[in-house]
Amino acid sequence: MVEEIIGRLLKEKGLTISTAESCTGGLVAHRITNVSGSSDYFESGVITYSNEAKIDLLKVPEETIKTHGAVSGQTAVAMAEGIRILRNTDIGIGITGIAGPTGGTATKPVGLVYIALSASSCVECKEFRFAGDREGIKLKASEAALDMIRGFLENYQLIV
């Protein structure tokens, strides 16, 4: 399972991780913490569903949400950076999207998800368009986030 691979890589590299989730409702944190020993590398996870929570807890700039929307790459990046700084971890994950079945628009349809990874050495953000029902979109988003983490860790080189 990808969660076990992530756990092994985080332990091997001595890294820690925290998550800030919106549309996935904590599913990424749940999957990471399903691995025994995850307390060695998983610091915390927050569900910041409302704009106010994103602003208050993660210090997402209100202007970012006003200009780009809660579901945007800019907000996902701010969430990832916010949780990494707030919890003082090596990696922060930010996820925001529209799981549906309501809430979508022509420009931001149901299934649109942004996932960002923040580390001291880099920030990356990806846009996804998932099909399916609410539960399926949440599961696909969690799988994409875990795959992003795995890819980052497999390519991570500690600079000494």
N, C-alpha and C. Protein backbone atom coordinates (compact mmCIF):
# COMPACT_ATOMS: atom_id res chain seq x y z
N MET A 1 0.83 -1.19 0.00
CA MET A 1 0.00 0.00 0.00
C MET A 1 0.88 1.25 0.00
N VAL A 2 0.40 2.27 -0.69
CA VAL A 2 1.18 3.51 -0.79
C VAL A 2 1.40 4.14 0.58
N GLU A 3 0.45 3.99 1.49
CA GLU A 3 0.61 4.56 2.83
C GLU A 3 1.82 3.97 3.55
N GLU A 4 2.04 2.67 3.37
CA GLU A 4 3.19 2.00 3.99
C GLU A 4 4.50 2.45 3.35
N ILE A 5 4.48 2.64 2.03
CA ILE A 5 5.67 3.11 1.32
C ILE A 5 6.02 4.52 1.82
N ILE A 6 5.01 5.37 1.94
CA ILE A 6 5.22 6.73 2.44
C ILE A 6 5.81 6.69 3.85
N GLY A 7 5.25 5.86 4.70
CA GLY A 7 5.74 5.74 6.07
C GLY A 7 7.19 5.31 6.12
N ARG A 8 7.52 4.31 5.32
CA ARG A 8 8.90 3.82 5.28
C ARG A 8 9.85 4.92 4.80
N LEU A 9 9.46 5.64 3.75
CA LEU A 9 10.32 6.69 3.21
C LEU A 9 10.46 7.85 4.18
N LEU A 10 9.38 8.25 4.84
CA LEU A 10 9.46 9.32 5.82
C LEU A 10 10.41 8.93 6.97
N LYS A 11 10.29 7.70 7.44
CA LYS A 11 11.18 7.22 8.52
C LYS A 11 12.64 7.20 8.06
N GLU A 12 12.87 6.62 6.87
CA GLU A 12 14.23 6.52 6.35
C GLU A 12 14.90 7.88 6.20
N LYS A 13 14.12 8.86 5.79
CA LYS A 13 14.67 10.19 5.52
C LYS A 13 14.56 11.12 6.72
N GLY A 14 13.93 10.64 7.79
CA GLY A 14 13.81 11.44 9.01
C GLY A 14 12.94 12.67 8.84
N LEU A 15 11.88 12.55 8.04
CA LEU A 15 11.01 13.69 7.75
C LEU A 15 9.66 13.55 8.45
N THR A 16 9.03 14.71 8.64
CA THR A 16 7.68 14.74 9.24
C THR A 16 6.71 15.40 8.27
N ILE A 17 5.42 15.13 8.49
CA ILE A 17 4.38 15.62 7.58
C ILE A 17 3.14 16.02 8.36
N SER A 18 2.44 17.02 7.84
CA SER A 18 1.14 17.44 8.35
C SER A 18 0.23 17.70 7.16
N THR A 19 -1.07 17.60 7.37
CA THR A 19 -2.02 17.80 6.28
C THR A 19 -3.06 18.85 6.63
N ALA A 20 -3.50 19.57 5.61
CA ALA A 20 -4.61 20.51 5.71
C ALA A 20 -5.58 20.13 4.60
N GLU A 21 -6.74 19.63 4.99
CA GLU A 21 -7.68 19.10 4.01
C GLU A 21 -9.01 19.83 4.06
N SER A 22 -9.59 19.99 2.89
CA SER A 22 -10.93 20.55 2.79
C SER A 22 -11.85 19.48 2.20
N CYS A 23 -11.86 19.31 0.90
CA CYS A 23 -12.83 18.41 0.26
C CYS A 23 -12.66 16.94 0.64
N THR A 24 -11.49 16.54 1.08
CA THR A 24 -11.27 15.14 1.46
C THR A 24 -11.66 14.86 2.92
N GLY A 25 -11.94 15.89 3.68
CA GLY A 25 -12.46 15.72 5.03
C GLY A 25 -11.58 14.91 5.97
N GLY A 26 -10.28 14.93 5.77
CA GLY A 26 -9.37 14.20 6.65
C GLY A 26 -9.00 12.81 6.16
N LEU A 27 -9.43 12.45 4.97
CA LEU A 27 -9.17 11.10 4.46
C LEU A 27 -7.68 10.83 4.26
N VAL A 28 -6.92 11.81 3.84
CA VAL A 28 -5.47 11.61 3.65
C VAL A 28 -4.82 11.33 5.00
N ALA A 29 -5.14 12.15 5.99
CA ALA A 29 -4.59 11.93 7.34
C ALA A 29 -5.01 10.56 7.87
N HIS A 30 -6.26 10.21 7.64
CA HIS A 30 -6.76 8.90 8.08
C HIS A 30 -5.94 7.77 7.46
N ARG A 31 -5.69 7.86 6.17
CA ARG A 31 -4.96 6.79 5.49
C ARG A 31 -3.50 6.72 5.95
N ILE A 32 -2.88 7.88 6.16
CA ILE A 32 -1.49 7.88 6.63
C ILE A 32 -1.41 7.28 8.03
N THR A 33 -2.36 7.64 8.88
CA THR A 33 -2.31 7.16 10.28
C THR A 33 -2.86 5.75 10.44
N ASN A 34 -3.33 5.13 9.39
CA ASN A 34 -3.71 3.72 9.45
C ASN A 34 -2.50 2.81 9.53
N VAL A 35 -1.33 3.36 9.28
CA VAL A 35 -0.08 2.59 9.33
C VAL A 35 0.46 2.63 10.76
N SER A 36 0.72 1.48 11.31
CA SER A 36 1.29 1.39 12.64
C SER A 36 2.64 2.10 12.68
N GLY A 37 2.85 2.90 13.71
CA GLY A 37 4.10 3.64 13.84
C GLY A 37 4.08 5.00 13.17
N SER A 38 2.93 5.40 12.64
CA SER A 38 2.84 6.68 11.93
C SER A 38 3.08 7.88 12.83
N SER A 39 2.98 7.69 14.14
CA SER A 39 3.26 8.81 15.05
C SER A 39 4.73 9.22 14.99
N ASP A 40 5.58 8.40 14.39
CA ASP A 40 7.00 8.77 14.22
C ASP A 40 7.19 9.88 13.19
N TYR A 41 6.23 10.03 12.26
CA TYR A 41 6.40 11.00 11.18
C TYR A 41 5.18 11.86 10.90
N PHE A 42 4.00 11.46 11.36
CA PHE A 42 2.80 12.26 11.13
C PHE A 42 2.56 13.14 12.34
N GLU A 43 2.59 14.46 12.14
CA GLU A 43 2.47 15.41 13.24
C GLU A 43 1.01 15.76 13.52
N SER A 44 0.28 16.21 12.47
CA SER A 44 -1.12 16.56 12.67
C SER A 44 -1.82 16.74 11.34
N GLY A 45 -3.13 16.73 11.43
CA GLY A 45 -3.96 17.00 10.27
C GLY A 45 -5.13 17.87 10.70
N VAL A 46 -5.48 18.84 9.86
CA VAL A 46 -6.63 19.68 10.14
C VAL A 46 -7.57 19.62 8.95
N ILE A 47 -8.86 19.75 9.27
CA ILE A 47 -9.88 19.87 8.23
C ILE A 47 -10.34 21.31 8.27
N THR A 48 -9.96 22.05 7.25
CA THR A 48 -10.33 23.46 7.17
C THR A 48 -11.35 23.60 6.04
N TYR A 49 -12.59 23.29 6.38
CA TYR A 49 -13.65 23.24 5.39
C TYR A 49 -14.15 24.63 5.02
N SER A 50 -14.26 25.50 5.98
CA SER A 50 -14.77 26.85 5.70
C SER A 50 -13.63 27.78 5.31
N ASN A 51 -13.99 28.85 4.62
CA ASN A 51 -12.99 29.87 4.29
C ASN A 51 -12.40 30.46 5.55
N GLU A 52 -13.25 30.67 6.56
CA GLU A 52 -12.79 31.25 7.82
C GLU A 52 -11.73 30.37 8.47
N ALA A 53 -11.91 29.07 8.44
CA ALA A 53 -10.92 28.15 9.02
C ALA A 53 -9.61 28.21 8.24
N LYS A 54 -9.70 28.30 6.93
CA LYS A 54 -8.48 28.42 6.12
C LYS A 54 -7.71 29.69 6.49
N ILE A 55 -8.47 30.78 6.66
CA ILE A 55 -7.85 32.07 6.99
C ILE A 55 -7.32 32.08 8.42
N ASP A 56 -8.15 31.66 9.38
CA ASP A 56 -7.79 31.73 10.79
C ASP A 56 -6.70 30.73 11.19
N LEU A 57 -6.86 29.48 10.79
CA LEU A 57 -5.93 28.44 11.23
C LEU A 57 -4.66 28.37 10.39
N LEU A 58 -4.82 28.49 9.08
CA LEU A 58 -3.69 28.27 8.17
C LEU A 58 -3.07 29.55 7.66
N LYS A 59 -3.69 30.68 8.00
CA LYS A 59 -3.20 31.99 7.55
C LYS A 59 -3.22 32.13 6.04
N VAL A 60 -4.22 31.47 5.39
CA VAL A 60 -4.43 31.70 3.96
C VAL A 60 -4.87 33.16 3.83
N PRO A 61 -4.20 33.94 3.01
CA PRO A 61 -4.61 35.33 2.87
C PRO A 61 -6.05 35.45 2.36
N GLU A 62 -6.83 36.27 3.03
CA GLU A 62 -8.22 36.48 2.62
C GLU A 62 -8.28 36.92 1.16
N GLU A 63 -7.33 37.72 0.76
CA GLU A 63 -7.28 38.21 -0.62
C GLU A 63 -7.10 37.07 -1.63
N THR A 64 -6.36 36.03 -1.24
CA THR A 64 -6.19 34.86 -2.12
C THR A 64 -7.52 34.21 -2.39
N ILE A 65 -8.32 34.02 -1.34
CA ILE A 65 -9.63 33.40 -1.51
C ILE A 65 -10.57 34.31 -2.30
N LYS A 66 -10.54 35.60 -2.01
CA LYS A 66 -11.40 36.55 -2.74
C LYS A 66 -11.05 36.59 -4.23
N THR A 67 -9.76 36.59 -4.53
CA THR A 67 -9.31 36.73 -5.91
C THR A 67 -9.40 35.44 -6.70
N HIS A 68 -8.98 34.32 -6.09
CA HIS A 68 -8.87 33.06 -6.83
C HIS A 68 -9.92 32.03 -6.43
N GLY A 69 -10.52 32.20 -5.26
CA GLY A 69 -11.51 31.25 -4.76
C GLY A 69 -10.90 30.24 -3.81
N ALA A 70 -11.77 29.65 -3.00
CA ALA A 70 -11.32 28.63 -2.06
C ALA A 70 -10.80 27.40 -2.80
N VAL A 71 -11.38 27.15 -3.96
CA VAL A 71 -10.94 26.03 -4.79
C VAL A 71 -10.05 26.60 -5.88
N SER A 72 -8.76 26.64 -5.59
CA SER A 72 -7.77 27.17 -6.54
C SER A 72 -6.40 26.63 -6.16
N GLY A 73 -5.52 26.68 -7.11
CA GLY A 73 -4.14 26.28 -6.84
C GLY A 73 -3.49 27.19 -5.81
N GLN A 74 -3.79 28.47 -5.87
CA GLN A 74 -3.21 29.42 -4.94
C GLN A 74 -3.63 29.12 -3.50
N THR A 75 -4.90 28.76 -3.32
CA THR A 75 -5.38 28.43 -1.98
C THR A 75 -4.77 27.12 -1.50
N ALA A 76 -4.67 26.12 -2.37
CA ALA A 76 -4.05 24.85 -1.99
C ALA A 76 -2.61 25.05 -1.54
N VAL A 77 -1.87 25.88 -2.27
CA VAL A 77 -0.47 26.17 -1.90
C VAL A 77 -0.42 26.87 -0.55
N ALA A 78 -1.28 27.86 -0.35
CA ALA A 78 -1.30 28.58 0.93
C ALA A 78 -1.66 27.64 2.07
N MET A 79 -2.56 26.69 1.83
CA MET A 79 -2.92 25.71 2.85
C MET A 79 -1.73 24.82 3.19
N ALA A 80 -1.03 24.33 2.17
CA ALA A 80 0.12 23.45 2.38
C ALA A 80 1.23 24.17 3.13
N GLU A 81 1.50 25.39 2.72
CA GLU A 81 2.54 26.16 3.40
C GLU A 81 2.11 26.53 4.82
N GLY A 82 0.84 26.86 4.96
CA GLY A 82 0.32 27.23 6.27
C GLY A 82 0.43 26.11 7.28
N ILE A 83 0.06 24.89 6.90
CA ILE A 83 0.11 23.76 7.85
C ILE A 83 1.56 23.38 8.13
N ARG A 84 2.43 23.46 7.12
CA ARG A 84 3.84 23.11 7.34
C ARG A 84 4.47 24.07 8.35
N ILE A 85 4.18 25.34 8.20
CA ILE A 85 4.74 26.34 9.11
C ILE A 85 4.08 26.25 10.49
N LEU A 86 2.76 26.14 10.52
CA LEU A 86 2.02 26.06 11.79
C LEU A 86 2.49 24.90 12.65
N ARG A 87 2.68 23.74 12.05
CA ARG A 87 3.03 22.54 12.79
C ARG A 87 4.53 22.23 12.74
N ASN A 88 5.31 23.07 12.06
CA ASN A 88 6.76 22.93 12.02
C ASN A 88 7.18 21.54 11.53
N THR A 89 6.60 21.15 10.40
CA THR A 89 6.95 19.86 9.80
C THR A 89 7.74 20.09 8.52
N ASP A 90 8.37 19.03 8.05
CA ASP A 90 9.16 19.11 6.83
C ASP A 90 8.29 19.23 5.59
N ILE A 91 7.12 18.61 5.65
CA ILE A 91 6.21 18.58 4.50
C ILE A 91 4.81 19.00 4.95
N GLY A 92 4.17 19.82 4.14
CA GLY A 92 2.77 20.17 4.35
C GLY A 92 1.98 19.84 3.10
N ILE A 93 0.79 19.31 3.29
CA ILE A 93 -0.09 18.97 2.18
C ILE A 93 -1.35 19.82 2.31
N GLY A 94 -1.78 20.42 1.21
CA GLY A 94 -3.02 21.18 1.17
C GLY A 94 -3.93 20.65 0.07
N ILE A 95 -5.19 20.41 0.41
CA ILE A 95 -6.13 19.87 -0.57
C ILE A 95 -7.43 20.67 -0.50
N THR A 96 -7.88 21.13 -1.66
CA THR A 96 -9.15 21.82 -1.76
C THR A 96 -9.81 21.44 -3.07
N GLY A 97 -11.13 21.33 -3.06
CA GLY A 97 -11.82 20.94 -4.27
C GLY A 97 -13.32 20.90 -4.09
N ILE A 98 -13.99 20.39 -5.10
CA ILE A 98 -15.45 20.28 -5.11
C ILE A 98 -15.81 18.81 -5.28
N ALA A 99 -16.25 18.19 -4.19
CA ALA A 99 -16.58 16.76 -4.22
C ALA A 99 -18.00 16.50 -4.72
N GLY A 100 -18.87 17.51 -4.70
CA GLY A 100 -20.21 17.36 -5.24
C GLY A 100 -21.18 16.65 -4.32
N PRO A 101 -22.34 16.34 -4.77
CA PRO A 101 -22.82 16.55 -6.13
C PRO A 101 -23.20 18.00 -6.43
N THR A 102 -23.29 18.85 -5.41
CA THR A 102 -23.59 20.26 -5.63
C THR A 102 -22.31 21.08 -5.50
N GLY A 103 -22.41 22.36 -5.83
CA GLY A 103 -21.29 23.27 -5.62
C GLY A 103 -20.46 23.56 -6.85
N GLY A 104 -20.65 22.79 -7.90
CA GLY A 104 -19.87 23.01 -9.11
C GLY A 104 -20.43 24.13 -9.96
N THR A 105 -19.57 24.71 -10.79
CA THR A 105 -19.97 25.72 -11.75
C THR A 105 -19.35 25.36 -13.10
N ALA A 106 -19.64 26.16 -14.11
CA ALA A 106 -19.07 25.91 -15.44
C ALA A 106 -17.55 26.02 -15.42
N THR A 107 -17.03 26.96 -14.63
CA THR A 107 -15.57 27.15 -14.59
C THR A 107 -14.90 26.28 -13.53
N LYS A 108 -15.67 25.90 -12.51
CA LYS A 108 -15.14 25.05 -11.44
C LYS A 108 -16.14 23.91 -11.21
N PRO A 109 -16.04 22.87 -12.04
CA PRO A 109 -17.01 21.78 -11.97
C PRO A 109 -16.77 20.82 -10.80
N VAL A 110 -17.79 20.07 -10.49
CA VAL A 110 -17.65 18.98 -9.51
C VAL A 110 -16.51 18.08 -9.98
N GLY A 111 -15.65 17.71 -9.05
CA GLY A 111 -14.50 16.86 -9.37
C GLY A 111 -13.20 17.63 -9.52
N LEU A 112 -13.29 18.97 -9.54
CA LEU A 112 -12.08 19.79 -9.62
C LEU A 112 -11.40 19.78 -8.25
N VAL A 113 -10.14 19.38 -8.21
CA VAL A 113 -9.38 19.29 -6.96
C VAL A 113 -7.98 19.83 -7.20
N TYR A 114 -7.49 20.61 -6.23
CA TYR A 114 -6.11 21.08 -6.24
C TYR A 114 -5.40 20.48 -5.04
N ILE A 115 -4.22 19.92 -5.30
CA ILE A 115 -3.40 19.33 -4.24
C ILE A 115 -2.03 19.98 -4.30
N ALA A 116 -1.60 20.50 -3.16
CA ALA A 116 -0.29 21.15 -3.08
C ALA A 116 0.57 20.46 -2.03
N LEU A 117 1.85 20.43 -2.31
CA LEU A 117 2.85 19.91 -1.38
C LEU A 117 3.86 21.02 -1.15
N SER A 118 4.10 21.33 0.11
CA SER A 118 5.08 22.35 0.48
C SER A 118 6.18 21.72 1.31
N ALA A 119 7.41 21.98 0.90
CA ALA A 119 8.61 21.58 1.66
C ALA A 119 9.54 22.78 1.64
N SER A 120 10.54 22.77 2.48
CA SER A 120 11.46 23.92 2.50
C SER A 120 12.17 24.09 1.16
N SER A 121 12.34 22.99 0.43
CA SER A 121 13.09 23.03 -0.82
C SER A 121 12.23 23.31 -2.05
N CYS A 122 10.90 23.14 -1.93
CA CYS A 122 10.05 23.31 -3.10
C CYS A 122 8.57 23.37 -2.72
N VAL A 123 7.79 23.85 -3.66
CA VAL A 123 6.33 23.82 -3.56
C VAL A 123 5.82 23.34 -4.91
N GLU A 124 4.92 22.38 -4.88
CA GLU A 124 4.31 21.95 -6.13
C GLU A 124 2.81 21.86 -5.93
N CYS A 125 2.09 22.13 -6.99
CA CYS A 125 0.63 22.08 -6.95
C CYS A 125 0.14 21.45 -8.25
N LYS A 126 -0.85 20.57 -8.12
CA LYS A 126 -1.41 19.92 -9.30
C LYS A 126 -2.92 20.08 -9.30
N GLU A 127 -3.46 20.22 -10.49
CA GLU A 127 -4.91 20.29 -10.68
C GLU A 127 -5.40 18.95 -11.20
N PHE A 128 -6.52 18.50 -10.64
CA PHE A 128 -7.12 17.23 -11.06
C PHE A 128 -8.59 17.45 -11.40
N ARG A 129 -9.11 16.63 -12.28
CA ARG A 129 -10.53 16.62 -12.62
C ARG A 129 -10.99 15.17 -12.50
N PHE A 130 -11.63 14.87 -11.38
CA PHE A 130 -12.07 13.50 -11.12
C PHE A 130 -13.54 13.34 -11.45
N ALA A 131 -13.88 12.19 -11.96
CA ALA A 131 -15.29 11.85 -12.23
C ALA A 131 -15.77 10.92 -11.12
N GLY A 132 -17.07 10.90 -10.93
CA GLY A 132 -17.65 9.99 -9.96
C GLY A 132 -18.53 10.70 -8.95
N ASP A 133 -18.98 9.92 -7.99
CA ASP A 133 -19.81 10.49 -6.93
C ASP A 133 -18.92 11.08 -5.85
N ARG A 134 -19.53 11.66 -4.84
CA ARG A 134 -18.79 12.37 -3.78
C ARG A 134 -17.73 11.47 -3.13
N GLU A 135 -18.13 10.28 -2.73
CA GLU A 135 -17.20 9.37 -2.08
C GLU A 135 -16.06 8.98 -3.01
N GLY A 136 -16.38 8.75 -4.27
CA GLY A 136 -15.36 8.38 -5.25
C GLY A 136 -14.37 9.50 -5.50
N ILE A 137 -14.87 10.73 -5.57
CA ILE A 137 -13.98 11.88 -5.78
C ILE A 137 -13.06 12.05 -4.58
N LYS A 138 -13.60 11.91 -3.38
CA LYS A 138 -12.77 12.02 -2.18
C LYS A 138 -11.69 10.95 -2.16
N LEU A 139 -12.04 9.73 -2.51
CA LEU A 139 -11.07 8.63 -2.54
C LEU A 139 -10.00 8.88 -3.59
N LYS A 140 -10.41 9.30 -4.79
CA LYS A 140 -9.44 9.57 -5.86
C LYS A 140 -8.50 10.72 -5.46
N ALA A 141 -9.06 11.73 -4.82
CA ALA A 141 -8.23 12.86 -4.38
C ALA A 141 -7.22 12.40 -3.33
N SER A 142 -7.65 11.55 -2.41
CA SER A 142 -6.71 11.06 -1.39
C SER A 142 -5.62 10.21 -2.03
N GLU A 143 -5.97 9.41 -3.02
CA GLU A 143 -4.98 8.59 -3.71
C GLU A 143 -3.98 9.47 -4.47
N ALA A 144 -4.48 10.53 -5.09
CA ALA A 144 -3.59 11.44 -5.82
C ALA A 144 -2.64 12.14 -4.86
N ALA A 145 -3.15 12.55 -3.70
CA ALA A 145 -2.30 13.21 -2.70
C ALA A 145 -1.22 12.26 -2.21
N LEU A 146 -1.60 11.03 -1.89
CA LEU A 146 -0.62 10.05 -1.42
C LEU A 146 0.42 9.77 -2.50
N ASP A 147 0.00 9.71 -3.74
CA ASP A 147 0.93 9.47 -4.83
C ASP A 147 1.90 10.64 -4.99
N MET A 148 1.39 11.86 -4.79
CA MET A 148 2.25 13.04 -4.85
C MET A 148 3.30 13.00 -3.75
N ILE A 149 2.89 12.62 -2.56
CA ILE A 149 3.82 12.51 -1.42
C ILE A 149 4.88 11.46 -1.72
N ARG A 150 4.43 10.29 -2.20
CA ARG A 150 5.36 9.21 -2.53
C ARG A 150 6.38 9.67 -3.57
N GLY A 151 5.91 10.31 -4.62
CA GLY A 151 6.81 10.79 -5.68
C GLY A 151 7.83 11.78 -5.15
N PHE A 152 7.38 12.70 -4.30
CA PHE A 152 8.30 13.67 -3.70
C PHE A 152 9.36 12.95 -2.88
N LEU A 153 8.92 12.02 -2.04
CA LEU A 153 9.86 11.32 -1.15
C LEU A 153 10.85 10.45 -1.91
N GLU A 154 10.41 9.83 -2.99
CA GLU A 154 11.32 8.98 -3.76
C GLU A 154 12.41 9.81 -4.42
N ASN A 155 12.12 11.07 -4.69
CA ASN A 155 13.11 11.95 -5.35
C ASN A 155 13.82 12.88 -4.37
N TYR A 156 13.44 12.81 -3.11
CA TYR A 156 14.01 13.72 -2.10
C TYR A 156 15.43 13.33 -1.77
N GLN A 157 16.31 14.33 -1.82
CA GLN A 157 17.71 14.12 -1.45
C GLN A 157 18.05 15.06 -0.31
N LEU A 158 18.50 14.55 0.78
CA LEU A 158 18.91 15.38 1.90
C LEU A 158 20.22 16.06 1.55
N ILE A 159 20.22 17.37 1.64
CA ILE A 159 21.42 18.14 1.35
C ILE A 159 22.15 18.38 2.67
N VAL A 160 23.36 17.86 2.76
CA VAL A 160 24.13 17.98 3.99
C VAL A 160 25.23 19.00 3.82
